[in-house]
Amino acid sequence: MYLLEIVLFVAGIVLLAIGYRRNLRNLLLAGAVVLFLSAALGSFVEGYIEGYSQSRSSH
């Protein structure tokens, strides 16, 4: 999971740099979304797994 977060973080930084240099707003937006995903992905996956395991144990 940590490797995926690092890869997303680096990809977001690269997209932001390219979008800023070439003045491409879509790349800037994509970079911002990828950076958001890199920060939120770990918590989302942990919460999903916890909720799934609790629903399976209650049956």
PDB file of N, CA and C in Angstrom:
ATOM      1  N   MET A   1       0.822  -1.186   0.000  1.00  0.00           N
ATOM      2  CA  MET A   1       0.000   0.000   0.000  1.00  0.00           C
ATOM      3  C   MET A   1       0.871   1.256   0.000  1.00  0.00           C
ATOM      4  N   TYR A   2       1.965   1.210   0.774  1.00  0.00           N
ATOM      5  CA  TYR A   2       2.822   2.390   0.843  1.00  0.00           C
ATOM      6  C   TYR A   2       3.494   2.672  -0.496  1.00  0.00           C
ATOM      7  N   LEU A   3       3.816   1.629  -1.219  1.00  0.00           N
ATOM      8  CA  LEU A   3       4.434   1.816  -2.521  1.00  0.00           C
ATOM      9  C   LEU A   3       3.477   2.526  -3.474  1.00  0.00           C
ATOM     10  N   LEU A   4       2.202   2.148  -3.434  1.00  0.00           N
ATOM     11  CA  LEU A   4       1.204   2.791  -4.287  1.00  0.00           C
ATOM     12  C   LEU A   4       1.039   4.260  -3.913  1.00  0.00           C
ATOM     13  N   GLU A   5       1.062   4.566  -2.618  1.00  0.00           N
ATOM     14  CA  GLU A   5       0.955   5.957  -2.183  1.00  0.00           C
ATOM     15  C   GLU A   5       2.144   6.776  -2.669  1.00  0.00           C
ATOM     16  N   ILE A   6       3.330   6.204  -2.605  1.00  0.00           N
ATOM     17  CA  ILE A   6       4.527   6.917  -3.065  1.00  0.00           C
ATOM     18  C   ILE A   6       4.476   7.135  -4.576  1.00  0.00           C
ATOM     19  N   VAL A   7       4.046   6.113  -5.304  1.00  0.00           N
ATOM     20  CA  VAL A   7       3.952   6.237  -6.762  1.00  0.00           C
ATOM     21  C   VAL A   7       2.933   7.307  -7.135  1.00  0.00           C
ATOM     22  N   LEU A   8       1.782   7.324  -6.467  1.00  0.00           N
ATOM     23  CA  LEU A   8       0.776   8.346  -6.748  1.00  0.00           C
ATOM     24  C   LEU A   8       1.277   9.734  -6.390  1.00  0.00           C
ATOM     25  N   PHE A   9       2.007   9.849  -5.298  1.00  0.00           N
ATOM     26  CA  PHE A   9       2.553  11.143  -4.904  1.00  0.00           C
ATOM     27  C   PHE A   9       3.525  11.673  -5.952  1.00  0.00           C
ATOM     28  N   VAL A  10       4.432  10.819  -6.384  1.00  0.00           N
ATOM     29  CA  VAL A  10       5.418  11.235  -7.397  1.00  0.00           C
ATOM     30  C   VAL A  10       4.716  11.579  -8.716  1.00  0.00           C
ATOM     31  N   ALA A  11       3.731  10.760  -9.103  1.00  0.00           N
ATOM     32  CA  ALA A  11       2.998  11.040 -10.343  1.00  0.00           C
ATOM     33  C   ALA A  11       2.252  12.368 -10.246  1.00  0.00           C
ATOM     34  N   GLY A  12       1.688  12.663  -9.089  1.00  0.00           N
ATOM     35  CA  GLY A  12       0.997  13.938  -8.910  1.00  0.00           C
ATOM     36  C   GLY A  12       1.932  15.118  -9.022  1.00  0.00           C
ATOM     37  N   ILE A  13       3.111  14.997  -8.427  1.00  0.00           N
ATOM     38  CA  ILE A  13       4.096  16.084  -8.512  1.00  0.00           C
ATOM     39  C   ILE A  13       4.543  16.283  -9.957  1.00  0.00           C
ATOM     40  N   VAL A  14       4.771  15.184 -10.676  1.00  0.00           N
ATOM     41  CA  VAL A  14       5.197  15.281 -12.080  1.00  0.00           C
ATOM     42  C   VAL A  14       4.102  15.930 -12.923  1.00  0.00           C
ATOM     43  N   LEU A  15       2.854  15.516 -12.712  1.00  0.00           N
ATOM     44  CA  LEU A  15       1.748  16.117 -13.472  1.00  0.00           C
ATOM     45  C   LEU A  15       1.604  17.605 -13.172  1.00  0.00           C
ATOM     46  N   LEU A  16       1.763  17.973 -11.906  1.00  0.00           N
ATOM     47  CA  LEU A  16       1.692  19.396 -11.567  1.00  0.00           C
ATOM     48  C   LEU A  16       2.818  20.191 -12.224  1.00  0.00           C
ATOM     49  N   ALA A  17       4.019  19.634 -12.229  1.00  0.00           N
ATOM     50  CA  ALA A  17       5.157  20.344 -12.825  1.00  0.00           C
ATOM     51  C   ALA A  17       4.975  20.507 -14.329  1.00  0.00           C
ATOM     52  N   ILE A  18       4.550  19.446 -14.997  1.00  0.00           N
ATOM     53  CA  ILE A  18       4.347  19.527 -16.451  1.00  0.00           C
ATOM     54  C   ILE A  18       3.198  20.476 -16.782  1.00  0.00           C
ATOM     55  N   GLY A  19       2.109  20.368 -16.022  1.00  0.00           N
ATOM     56  CA  GLY A  19       0.969  21.254 -16.266  1.00  0.00           C
ATOM     57  C   GLY A  19       1.305  22.707 -16.025  1.00  0.00           C
ATOM     58  N   TYR A  20       2.135  22.994 -15.032  1.00  0.00           N
ATOM     59  CA  TYR A  20       2.530  24.370 -14.750  1.00  0.00           C
ATOM     60  C   TYR A  20       3.445  24.919 -15.834  1.00  0.00           C
ATOM     61  N   ARG A  21       4.410  24.105 -16.265  1.00  0.00           N
ATOM     62  CA  ARG A  21       5.360  24.574 -17.278  1.00  0.00           C
ATOM     63  C   ARG A  21       4.700  24.819 -18.631  1.00  0.00           C
ATOM     64  N   ARG A  22       3.783  23.929 -19.018  1.00  0.00           N
ATOM     65  CA  ARG A  22       3.148  24.044 -20.328  1.00  0.00           C
ATOM     66  C   ARG A  22       1.824  24.799 -20.286  1.00  0.00           C
ATOM     67  N   ASN A  23       1.440  25.252 -19.085  1.00  0.00           N
ATOM     68  CA  ASN A  23       0.210  26.005 -18.893  1.00  0.00           C
ATOM     69  C   ASN A  23      -1.014  25.194 -19.344  1.00  0.00           C
ATOM     70  N   LEU A  24      -1.071  23.938 -18.922  1.00  0.00           N
ATOM     71  CA  LEU A  24      -2.183  23.050 -19.245  1.00  0.00           C
ATOM     72  C   LEU A  24      -3.010  22.815 -17.991  1.00  0.00           C
ATOM     73  N   ARG A  25      -4.196  23.380 -17.976  1.00  0.00           N
ATOM     74  CA  ARG A  25      -5.033  23.300 -16.781  1.00  0.00           C
ATOM     75  C   ARG A  25      -5.515  21.887 -16.492  1.00  0.00           C
ATOM     76  N   ASN A  26      -5.737  21.107 -17.531  1.00  0.00           N
ATOM     77  CA  ASN A  26      -6.203  19.739 -17.299  1.00  0.00           C
ATOM     78  C   ASN A  26      -5.151  18.898 -16.591  1.00  0.00           C
ATOM     79  N   LEU A  27      -3.886  19.097 -16.928  1.00  0.00           N
ATOM     80  CA  LEU A  27      -2.822  18.374 -16.240  1.00  0.00           C
ATOM     81  C   LEU A  27      -2.672  18.850 -14.799  1.00  0.00           C
ATOM     82  N   LEU A  28      -2.867  20.140 -14.569  1.00  0.00           N
ATOM     83  CA  LEU A  28      -2.838  20.647 -13.206  1.00  0.00           C
ATOM     84  C   LEU A  28      -3.955  20.025 -12.375  1.00  0.00           C
ATOM     85  N   LEU A  29      -5.129  19.916 -12.956  1.00  0.00           N
ATOM     86  CA  LEU A  29      -6.258  19.298 -12.265  1.00  0.00           C
ATOM     87  C   LEU A  29      -5.983  17.821 -11.994  1.00  0.00           C
ATOM     88  N   ALA A  30      -5.470  17.127 -12.983  1.00  0.00           N
ATOM     89  CA  ALA A  30      -5.149  15.709 -12.808  1.00  0.00           C
ATOM     90  C   ALA A  30      -4.093  15.528 -11.717  1.00  0.00           C
ATOM     91  N   GLY A  31      -3.097  16.394 -11.692  1.00  0.00           N
ATOM     92  CA  GLY A  31      -2.072  16.315 -10.660  1.00  0.00           C
ATOM     93  C   GLY A  31      -2.640  16.542  -9.268  1.00  0.00           C
ATOM     94  N   ALA A  32      -3.554  17.484  -9.145  1.00  0.00           N
ATOM     95  CA  ALA A  32      -4.179  17.743  -7.857  1.00  0.00           C
ATOM     96  C   ALA A  32      -5.022  16.557  -7.400  1.00  0.00           C
ATOM     97  N   VAL A  33      -5.750  15.945  -8.317  1.00  0.00           N
ATOM     98  CA  VAL A  33      -6.577  14.784  -7.970  1.00  0.00           C
ATOM     99  C   VAL A  33      -5.698  13.605  -7.567  1.00  0.00           C
ATOM    100  N   VAL A  34      -4.618  13.384  -8.284  1.00  0.00           N
ATOM    101  CA  VAL A  34      -3.713  12.278  -7.960  1.00  0.00           C
ATOM    102  C   VAL A  34      -3.047  12.513  -6.603  1.00  0.00           C
ATOM    103  N   LEU A  35      -2.669  13.750  -6.304  1.00  0.00           N
ATOM    104  CA  LEU A  35      -2.098  14.046  -4.993  1.00  0.00           C
ATOM    105  C   LEU A  35      -3.121  13.811  -3.888  1.00  0.00           C
ATOM    106  N   PHE A  36      -4.373  14.187  -4.129  1.00  0.00           N
ATOM    107  CA  PHE A  36      -5.430  13.926  -3.150  1.00  0.00           C
ATOM    108  C   PHE A  36      -5.596  12.430  -2.928  1.00  0.00           C
ATOM    109  N   LEU A  37      -5.593  11.663  -4.004  1.00  0.00           N
ATOM    110  CA  LEU A  37      -5.729  10.216  -3.874  1.00  0.00           C
ATOM    111  C   LEU A  37      -4.560   9.598  -3.129  1.00  0.00           C
ATOM    112  N   SER A  38      -3.367  10.127  -3.344  1.00  0.00           N
ATOM    113  CA  SER A  38      -2.202   9.568  -2.655  1.00  0.00           C
ATOM    114  C   SER A  38      -2.313   9.779  -1.147  1.00  0.00           C
ATOM    115  N   ALA A  39      -2.944  10.865  -0.728  1.00  0.00           N
ATOM    116  CA  ALA A  39      -3.083  11.135   0.702  1.00  0.00           C
ATOM    117  C   ALA A  39      -4.257  10.375   1.311  1.00  0.00           C
ATOM    118  N   ALA A  40      -5.320  10.165   0.558  1.00  0.00           N
ATOM    119  CA  ALA A  40      -6.544   9.595   1.116  1.00  0.00           C
ATOM    120  C   ALA A  40      -6.685   8.097   0.881  1.00  0.00           C
ATOM    121  N   LEU A  41      -5.885   7.534   0.024  1.00  0.00           N
ATOM    122  CA  LEU A  41      -6.070   6.137  -0.359  1.00  0.00           C
ATOM    123  C   LEU A  41      -5.853   5.171   0.797  1.00  0.00           C
ATOM    124  N   GLY A  42      -4.844   5.388   1.604  1.00  0.00           N
ATOM    125  CA  GLY A  42      -4.546   4.483   2.707  1.00  0.00           C
ATOM    126  C   GLY A  42      -5.677   4.409   3.717  1.00  0.00           C
ATOM    127  N   SER A  43      -6.193   5.551   4.123  1.00  0.00           N
ATOM    128  CA  SER A  43      -7.293   5.583   5.083  1.00  0.00           C
ATOM    129  C   SER A  43      -8.553   4.961   4.509  1.00  0.00           C
ATOM    130  N   PHE A  44      -8.818   5.208   3.251  1.00  0.00           N
ATOM    131  CA  PHE A  44     -10.007   4.651   2.617  1.00  0.00           C
ATOM    132  C   PHE A  44      -9.949   3.131   2.577  1.00  0.00           C
ATOM    133  N   VAL A  45      -8.816   2.592   2.185  1.00  0.00           N
ATOM    134  CA  VAL A  45      -8.671   1.138   2.085  1.00  0.00           C
ATOM    135  C   VAL A  45      -8.753   0.495   3.467  1.00  0.00           C
ATOM    136  N   GLU A  46      -8.106   1.084   4.468  1.00  0.00           N
ATOM    137  CA  GLU A  46      -8.174   0.534   5.819  1.00  0.00           C
ATOM    138  C   GLU A  46      -9.606   0.535   6.350  1.00  0.00           C
ATOM    139  N   GLY A  47     -10.339   1.611   6.126  1.00  0.00           N
ATOM    140  CA  GLY A  47     -11.733   1.688   6.559  1.00  0.00           C
ATOM    141  C   GLY A  47     -12.617   0.698   5.829  1.00  0.00           C
ATOM    142  N   TYR A  48     -12.380   0.529   4.561  1.00  0.00           N
ATOM    143  CA  TYR A  48     -13.157  -0.423   3.777  1.00  0.00           C
ATOM    144  C   TYR A  48     -12.922  -1.853   4.269  1.00  0.00           C
ATOM    145  N   ILE A  49     -11.676  -2.201   4.495  1.00  0.00           N
ATOM    146  CA  ILE A  49     -11.345  -3.546   4.979  1.00  0.00           C
ATOM    147  C   ILE A  49     -11.935  -3.779   6.365  1.00  0.00           C
ATOM    148  N   GLU A  50     -11.861  -2.791   7.230  1.00  0.00           N
ATOM    149  CA  GLU A  50     -12.420  -2.925   8.576  1.00  0.00           C
ATOM    150  C   GLU A  50     -13.933  -3.103   8.528  1.00  0.00           C
ATOM    151  N   GLY A  51     -14.606  -2.302   7.710  1.00  0.00           N
ATOM    152  CA  GLY A  51     -16.049  -2.438   7.578  1.00  0.00           C
ATOM    153  C   GLY A  51     -16.453  -3.767   6.965  1.00  0.00           C
ATOM    154  N   TYR A  52     -15.713  -4.217   5.992  1.00  0.00           N
ATOM    155  CA  TYR A  52     -16.014  -5.502   5.360  1.00  0.00           C
ATOM    156  C   TYR A  52     -15.828  -6.658   6.336  1.00  0.00           C
ATOM    157  N   SER A  53     -14.749  -6.612   7.119  1.00  0.00           N
ATOM    158  CA  SER A  53     -14.493  -7.704   8.048  1.00  0.00           C
ATOM    159  C   SER A  53     -15.523  -7.714   9.182  1.00  0.00           C
ATOM    160  N   GLN A  54     -15.993  -6.555   9.612  1.00  0.00           N
ATOM    161  CA  GLN A  54     -17.022  -6.504  10.648  1.00  0.00           C
ATOM    162  C   GLN A  54     -18.360  -6.996  10.131  1.00  0.00           C
ATOM    163  N   SER A  55     -18.673  -6.711   8.883  1.00  0.00           N
ATOM    164  CA  SER A  55     -19.948  -7.186   8.338  1.00  0.00           C
ATOM    165  C   SER A  55     -19.911  -8.691   8.131  1.00  0.00           C
ATOM    166  N   ARG A  56     -18.766  -9.245   7.807  1.00  0.00           N
ATOM    167  CA  ARG A  56     -18.642 -10.691   7.635  1.00  0.00           C
ATOM    168  C   ARG A  56     -18.711 -11.417   8.985  1.00  0.00           C
ATOM    169  N   SER A  57     -18.182 -10.804  10.048  1.00  0.00           N
ATOM    170  CA  SER A  57     -18.168 -11.463  11.350  1.00  0.00           C
ATOM    171  C   SER A  57     -19.542 -11.404  12.037  1.00  0.00           C
ATOM    172  N   SER A  58     -20.395 -10.469  11.641  1.00  0.00           N
ATOM    173  CA  SER A  58     -21.716 -10.332  12.281  1.00  0.00           C
ATOM    174  C   SER A  58     -22.710 -11.351  11.740  1.00  0.00           C
ATOM    175  N   HIS A  59     -22.423 -11.975  10.613  1.00  0.00           N
ATOM    176  CA  HIS A  59     -23.362 -12.943  10.036  1.00  0.00           C
ATOM    177  C   HIS A  59     -23.128 -14.298  10.575  1.00  0.00           C
TER     178      HIS A  59
END
